[in-house]
PDB file of all heavy atoms in Angstrom:
ATOM      1  N   GLY A   1       0.826  -1.200   0.000  1.00  0.00           N
ATOM      2  CA  GLY A   1       0.000   0.000   0.000  1.00  0.00           C
ATOM      3  C   GLY A   1       0.853   1.239   0.000  1.00  0.00           C
ATOM      4  O   GLY A   1       1.983   1.232  -0.464  1.00  0.00           O
ATOM      5  N   GLY A   2       0.295   2.262   0.529  1.00  0.00           N
ATOM      6  CA  GLY A   2       1.021   3.508   0.617  1.00  0.00           C
ATOM      7  C   GLY A   2       0.066   4.663   0.428  1.00  0.00           C
ATOM      8  O   GLY A   2      -1.062   4.477  -0.027  1.00  0.00           O
ATOM      9  N   PRO A   3       0.480   5.787   0.852  1.00  0.00           N
ATOM     10  CA  PRO A   3       1.820   6.148   1.293  1.00  0.00           C
ATOM     11  C   PRO A   3       2.134   5.722   2.730  1.00  0.00           C
ATOM     12  O   PRO A   3       1.256   5.358   3.492  1.00  0.00           O
ATOM     13  CB  PRO A   3       1.832   7.666   1.166  1.00  0.00           C
ATOM     14  CG  PRO A   3       0.410   8.065   1.362  1.00  0.00           C
ATOM     15  CD  PRO A   3      -0.408   6.944   0.790  1.00  0.00           C
ATOM     16  N   VAL A   4       3.427   5.808   3.051  1.00  0.00           N
ATOM     17  CA  VAL A   4       3.965   5.553   4.381  1.00  0.00           C
ATOM     18  C   VAL A   4       4.666   6.845   4.802  1.00  0.00           C
ATOM     19  O   VAL A   4       5.327   7.480   3.985  1.00  0.00           O
ATOM     20  CB  VAL A   4       5.000   4.402   4.338  1.00  0.00           C
ATOM     21  CG1 VAL A   4       5.608   4.169   5.702  1.00  0.00           C
ATOM     22  CG2 VAL A   4       4.368   3.136   3.802  1.00  0.00           C
ATOM     23  N   TYR A   5       4.523   7.209   6.079  1.00  0.00           N
ATOM     24  CA  TYR A   5       5.137   8.449   6.547  1.00  0.00           C
ATOM     25  C   TYR A   5       5.867   8.217   7.857  1.00  0.00           C
ATOM     26  O   TYR A   5       5.360   7.547   8.757  1.00  0.00           O
ATOM     27  CB  TYR A   5       4.068   9.536   6.729  1.00  0.00           C
ATOM     28  CG  TYR A   5       4.623  10.836   7.248  1.00  0.00           C
ATOM     29  CD1 TYR A   5       5.509  11.590   6.478  1.00  0.00           C
ATOM     30  CD2 TYR A   5       4.291  11.300   8.508  1.00  0.00           C
ATOM     31  CE1 TYR A   5       6.038  12.779   6.965  1.00  0.00           C
ATOM     32  CE2 TYR A   5       4.811  12.490   8.995  1.00  0.00           C
ATOM     33  CZ  TYR A   5       5.689  13.214   8.215  1.00  0.00           C
ATOM     34  OH  TYR A   5       6.217  14.386   8.698  1.00  0.00           O
ATOM     35  N   ASP A   6       7.079   8.780   7.981  1.00  0.00           N
ATOM     36  CA  ASP A   6       7.884   8.690   9.195  1.00  0.00           C
ATOM     37  C   ASP A   6       7.995  10.085   9.807  1.00  0.00           C
ATOM     38  O   ASP A   6       8.751  10.918   9.314  1.00  0.00           O
ATOM     39  CB  ASP A   6       9.273   8.143   8.873  1.00  0.00           C
ATOM     40  CG  ASP A   6      10.171   8.057  10.094  1.00  0.00           C
ATOM     41  OD1 ASP A   6       9.703   8.356  11.219  1.00  0.00           O
ATOM     42  OD2 ASP A   6      11.346   7.694   9.934  1.00  0.00           O
ATOM     43  N   PRO A   7       7.243  10.355  10.878  1.00  0.00           N
ATOM     44  CA  PRO A   7       7.274  11.694  11.465  1.00  0.00           C
ATOM     45  C   PRO A   7       8.596  12.030  12.162  1.00  0.00           C
ATOM     46  O   PRO A   7       8.885  13.197  12.372  1.00  0.00           O
ATOM     47  CB  PRO A   7       6.122  11.671  12.465  1.00  0.00           C
ATOM     48  CG  PRO A   7       5.933  10.234  12.791  1.00  0.00           C
ATOM     49  CD  PRO A   7       6.311   9.468  11.554  1.00  0.00           C
ATOM     50  N   GLU A   8       9.405  11.024  12.512  1.00  0.00           N
ATOM     51  CA  GLU A   8      10.706  11.297  13.136  1.00  0.00           C
ATOM     52  C   GLU A   8      11.631  12.028  12.173  1.00  0.00           C
ATOM     53  O   GLU A   8      12.359  12.932  12.557  1.00  0.00           O
ATOM     54  CB  GLU A   8      11.381   9.997  13.562  1.00  0.00           C
ATOM     55  CG  GLU A   8      10.772   9.384  14.789  1.00  0.00           C
ATOM     56  CD  GLU A   8      11.489   8.107  15.168  1.00  0.00           C
ATOM     57  OE1 GLU A   8      12.730   8.125  15.217  1.00  0.00           O
ATOM     58  OE2 GLU A   8      10.807   7.109  15.401  1.00  0.00           O
ATOM     59  N   SER A   9      11.611  11.612  10.905  1.00  0.00           N
ATOM     60  CA  SER A   9      12.493  12.216   9.906  1.00  0.00           C
ATOM     61  C   SER A   9      11.760  13.217   9.015  1.00  0.00           C
ATOM     62  O   SER A   9      12.393  14.037   8.369  1.00  0.00           O
ATOM     63  CB  SER A   9      13.104  11.120   9.027  1.00  0.00           C
ATOM     64  OG  SER A   9      12.087  10.490   8.273  1.00  0.00           O
ATOM     65  N   GLY A  10      10.423  13.108   8.946  1.00  0.00           N
ATOM     66  CA  GLY A  10       9.655  13.948   8.037  1.00  0.00           C
ATOM     67  C   GLY A  10       9.621  13.383   6.633  1.00  0.00           C
ATOM     68  O   GLY A  10       9.107  14.016   5.720  1.00  0.00           O
ATOM     69  N   ASP A  11      10.163  12.179   6.455  1.00  0.00           N
ATOM     70  CA  ASP A  11      10.197  11.536   5.135  1.00  0.00           C
ATOM     71  C   ASP A  11       8.950  10.693   4.902  1.00  0.00           C
ATOM     72  O   ASP A  11       8.439  10.061   5.822  1.00  0.00           O
ATOM     73  CB  ASP A  11      11.417  10.615   5.008  1.00  0.00           C
ATOM     74  CG  ASP A  11      12.715  11.385   4.915  1.00  0.00           C
ATOM     75  OD1 ASP A  11      12.672  12.556   4.471  1.00  0.00           O
ATOM     76  OD2 ASP A  11      13.760  10.825   5.279  1.00  0.00           O
ATOM     77  N   GLY A  12       8.542  10.671   3.667  1.00  0.00           N
ATOM     78  CA  GLY A  12       7.432   9.823   3.265  1.00  0.00           C
ATOM     79  C   GLY A  12       7.837   8.972   2.087  1.00  0.00           C
ATOM     80  O   GLY A  12       8.830   9.254   1.409  1.00  0.00           O
ATOM     81  N   ALA A  13       7.089   7.924   1.864  1.00  0.00           N
ATOM     82  CA  ALA A  13       7.327   7.036   0.729  1.00  0.00           C
ATOM     83  C   ALA A  13       5.988   6.730   0.085  1.00  0.00           C
ATOM     84  O   ALA A  13       4.997   6.487   0.779  1.00  0.00           O
ATOM     85  CB  ALA A  13       8.009   5.755   1.187  1.00  0.00           C
ATOM     86  N   ALA A  14       5.963   6.746  -1.236  1.00  0.00           N
ATOM     87  CA  ALA A  14       4.719   6.510  -1.958  1.00  0.00           C
ATOM     88  C   ALA A  14       4.248   5.070  -1.824  1.00  0.00           C
ATOM     89  O   ALA A  14       3.055   4.796  -1.795  1.00  0.00           O
ATOM     90  CB  ALA A  14       4.896   6.864  -3.434  1.00  0.00           C
ATOM     91  N   THR A  15       5.188   4.130  -1.719  1.00  0.00           N
ATOM     92  CA  THR A  15       4.850   2.716  -1.667  1.00  0.00           C
ATOM     93  C   THR A  15       5.383   2.094  -0.390  1.00  0.00           C
ATOM     94  O   THR A  15       6.491   2.413   0.050  1.00  0.00           O
ATOM     95  CB  THR A  15       5.465   1.964  -2.870  1.00  0.00           C
ATOM     96  OG1 THR A  15       5.037   2.612  -4.063  1.00  0.00           O
ATOM     97  CG2 THR A  15       5.032   0.519  -2.904  1.00  0.00           C
ATOM     98  N   GLY A  16       4.596   1.195   0.183  1.00  0.00           N
ATOM     99  CA  GLY A  16       5.021   0.516   1.388  1.00  0.00           C
ATOM    100  C   GLY A  16       4.652  -0.949   1.371  1.00  0.00           C
ATOM    101  O   GLY A  16       3.766  -1.376   0.617  1.00  0.00           O
ATOM    102  N   TYR A  17       5.354  -1.697   2.207  1.00  0.00           N
ATOM    103  CA  TYR A  17       5.114  -3.131   2.346  1.00  0.00           C
ATOM    104  C   TYR A  17       5.094  -3.469   3.823  1.00  0.00           C
ATOM    105  O   TYR A  17       5.941  -3.000   4.583  1.00  0.00           O
ATOM    106  CB  TYR A  17       6.226  -3.934   1.655  1.00  0.00           C
ATOM    107  CG  TYR A  17       6.363  -3.607   0.198  1.00  0.00           C
ATOM    108  CD1 TYR A  17       7.210  -2.583  -0.218  1.00  0.00           C
ATOM    109  CD2 TYR A  17       5.633  -4.295  -0.762  1.00  0.00           C
ATOM    110  CE1 TYR A  17       7.328  -2.254  -1.557  1.00  0.00           C
ATOM    111  CE2 TYR A  17       5.749  -3.975  -2.111  1.00  0.00           C
ATOM    112  CZ  TYR A  17       6.595  -2.954  -2.497  1.00  0.00           C
ATOM    113  OH  TYR A  17       6.705  -2.622  -3.825  1.00  0.00           O
ATOM    114  N   LEU A  18       4.145  -4.280   4.228  1.00  0.00           N
ATOM    115  CA  LEU A  18       4.065  -4.784   5.590  1.00  0.00           C
ATOM    116  C   LEU A  18       4.214  -6.293   5.509  1.00  0.00           C
ATOM    117  O   LEU A  18       3.510  -6.944   4.732  1.00  0.00           O
ATOM    118  CB  LEU A  18       2.721  -4.429   6.226  1.00  0.00           C
ATOM    119  CG  LEU A  18       2.338  -2.951   6.250  1.00  0.00           C
ATOM    120  CD1 LEU A  18       0.927  -2.771   6.803  1.00  0.00           C
ATOM    121  CD2 LEU A  18       3.336  -2.148   7.059  1.00  0.00           C
ATOM    122  N   THR A  19       5.138  -6.848   6.300  1.00  0.00           N
ATOM    123  CA  THR A  19       5.360  -8.291   6.294  1.00  0.00           C
ATOM    124  C   THR A  19       5.316  -8.799   7.724  1.00  0.00           C
ATOM    125  O   THR A  19       6.112  -8.376   8.565  1.00  0.00           O
ATOM    126  CB  THR A  19       6.729  -8.638   5.665  1.00  0.00           C
ATOM    127  OG1 THR A  19       6.788  -8.087   4.351  1.00  0.00           O
ATOM    128  CG2 THR A  19       6.925 -10.143   5.596  1.00  0.00           C
ATOM    129  N   LEU A  20       4.375  -9.707   7.996  1.00  0.00           N
ATOM    130  CA  LEU A  20       4.271 -10.330   9.310  1.00  0.00           C
ATOM    131  C   LEU A  20       5.225 -11.513   9.339  1.00  0.00           C
ATOM    132  O   LEU A  20       5.071 -12.474   8.595  1.00  0.00           O
ATOM    133  CB  LEU A  20       2.839 -10.785   9.576  1.00  0.00           C
ATOM    134  CG  LEU A  20       2.551 -11.340  10.964  1.00  0.00           C
ATOM    135  CD1 LEU A  20       2.874 -10.313  12.046  1.00  0.00           C
ATOM    136  CD2 LEU A  20       1.103 -11.781  11.060  1.00  0.00           C
ATOM    137  N   ARG A  21       6.254 -11.411  10.180  1.00  0.00           N
ATOM    138  CA  ARG A  21       7.271 -12.459  10.263  1.00  0.00           C
ATOM    139  C   ARG A  21       6.780 -13.633  11.102  1.00  0.00           C
ATOM    140  O   ARG A  21       5.812 -13.506  11.867  1.00  0.00           O
ATOM    141  CB  ARG A  21       8.559 -11.903  10.873  1.00  0.00           C
ATOM    142  CG  ARG A  21       9.149 -10.778  10.066  1.00  0.00           C
ATOM    143  CD  ARG A  21      10.462 -10.256  10.547  1.00  0.00           C
ATOM    144  NE  ARG A  21      10.808 -10.485  11.940  1.00  0.00           N
ATOM    145  CZ  ARG A  21      11.810  -9.888  12.559  1.00  0.00           C
ATOM    146  NH1 ARG A  21      12.563  -9.009  11.928  1.00  0.00           N
ATOM    147  NH2 ARG A  21      12.067 -10.141  13.832  1.00  0.00           N
ATOM    148  N   ALA A  22       7.465 -14.757  10.976  1.00  0.00           N
ATOM    149  CA  ALA A  22       7.114 -15.969  11.725  1.00  0.00           C
ATOM    150  C   ALA A  22       7.203 -15.748  13.236  1.00  0.00           C
ATOM    151  O   ALA A  22       6.464 -16.359  14.000  1.00  0.00           O
ATOM    152  CB  ALA A  22       8.008 -17.127  11.299  1.00  0.00           C
ATOM    153  N   ASP A  23       8.079 -14.834  13.679  1.00  0.00           N
ATOM    154  CA  ASP A  23       8.222 -14.564  15.111  1.00  0.00           C
ATOM    155  C   ASP A  23       7.177 -13.570  15.632  1.00  0.00           C
ATOM    156  O   ASP A  23       7.215 -13.164  16.785  1.00  0.00           O
ATOM    157  CB  ASP A  23       9.636 -14.079  15.443  1.00  0.00           C
ATOM    158  CG  ASP A  23       9.988 -12.737  14.810  1.00  0.00           C
ATOM    159  OD1 ASP A  23       9.137 -12.137  14.113  1.00  0.00           O
ATOM    160  OD2 ASP A  23      11.137 -12.281  15.010  1.00  0.00           O
ATOM    161  N   GLY A  24       6.233 -13.158  14.756  1.00  0.00           N
ATOM    162  CA  GLY A  24       5.159 -12.268  15.171  1.00  0.00           C
ATOM    163  C   GLY A  24       5.484 -10.789  15.044  1.00  0.00           C
ATOM    164  O   GLY A  24       4.635  -9.941  15.288  1.00  0.00           O
ATOM    165  N   LYS A  25       6.713 -10.457  14.662  1.00  0.00           N
ATOM    166  CA  LYS A  25       7.080  -9.050  14.469  1.00  0.00           C
ATOM    167  C   LYS A  25       6.645  -8.600  13.078  1.00  0.00           C
ATOM    168  O   LYS A  25       6.441  -9.418  12.179  1.00  0.00           O
ATOM    169  CB  LYS A  25       8.573  -8.856  14.673  1.00  0.00           C
ATOM    170  CG  LYS A  25       8.954  -9.127  16.117  1.00  0.00           C
ATOM    171  CD  LYS A  25      10.348  -8.749  16.426  1.00  0.00           C
ATOM    172  CE  LYS A  25      10.588  -9.010  17.913  1.00  0.00           C
ATOM    173  NZ  LYS A  25      11.788  -8.377  18.369  1.00  0.00           N
ATOM    174  N   LEU A  26       6.495  -7.298  12.909  1.00  0.00           N
ATOM    175  CA  LEU A  26       6.031  -6.732  11.661  1.00  0.00           C
ATOM    176  C   LEU A  26       7.133  -5.891  11.027  1.00  0.00           C
ATOM    177  O   LEU A  26       7.644  -4.970  11.663  1.00  0.00           O
ATOM    178  CB  LEU A  26       4.801  -5.856  11.910  1.00  0.00           C
ATOM    179  CG  LEU A  26       4.104  -5.289  10.679  1.00  0.00           C
ATOM    180  CD1 LEU A  26       3.478  -6.414   9.846  1.00  0.00           C
ATOM    181  CD2 LEU A  26       3.031  -4.292  11.100  1.00  0.00           C
ATOM    182  N   GLU A  27       7.497  -6.213   9.796  1.00  0.00           N
ATOM    183  CA  GLU A  27       8.452  -5.399   9.051  1.00  0.00           C
ATOM    184  C   GLU A  27       7.663  -4.357   8.273  1.00  0.00           C
ATOM    185  O   GLU A  27       6.760  -4.686   7.513  1.00  0.00           O
ATOM    186  CB  GLU A  27       9.280  -6.259   8.099  1.00  0.00           C
ATOM    187  CG  GLU A  27      10.269  -7.124   8.813  1.00  0.00           C
ATOM    188  CD  GLU A  27      11.161  -7.909   7.866  1.00  0.00           C
ATOM    189  OE1 GLU A  27      10.977  -7.838   6.629  1.00  0.00           O
ATOM    190  OE2 GLU A  27      12.046  -8.612   8.383  1.00  0.00           O
ATOM    191  N   VAL A  28       8.013  -3.106   8.479  1.00  0.00           N
ATOM    192  CA  VAL A  28       7.364  -1.975   7.812  1.00  0.00           C
ATOM    193  C   VAL A  28       8.406  -1.369   6.885  1.00  0.00           C
ATOM    194  O   VAL A  28       9.419  -0.846   7.337  1.00  0.00           O
ATOM    195  CB  VAL A  28       6.863  -0.939   8.839  1.00  0.00           C
ATOM    196  CG1 VAL A  28       6.217   0.236   8.143  1.00  0.00           C
ATOM    197  CG2 VAL A  28       5.919  -1.594   9.841  1.00  0.00           C
TER     198      VAL A  28
END
């Protein structure tokens, strides 16, 4: 999906990916 926004840096990205790992953590 997207967009994705990081308020810490002020950077945004038009496209994003979310991946639920086997250990239950989420890669953004």
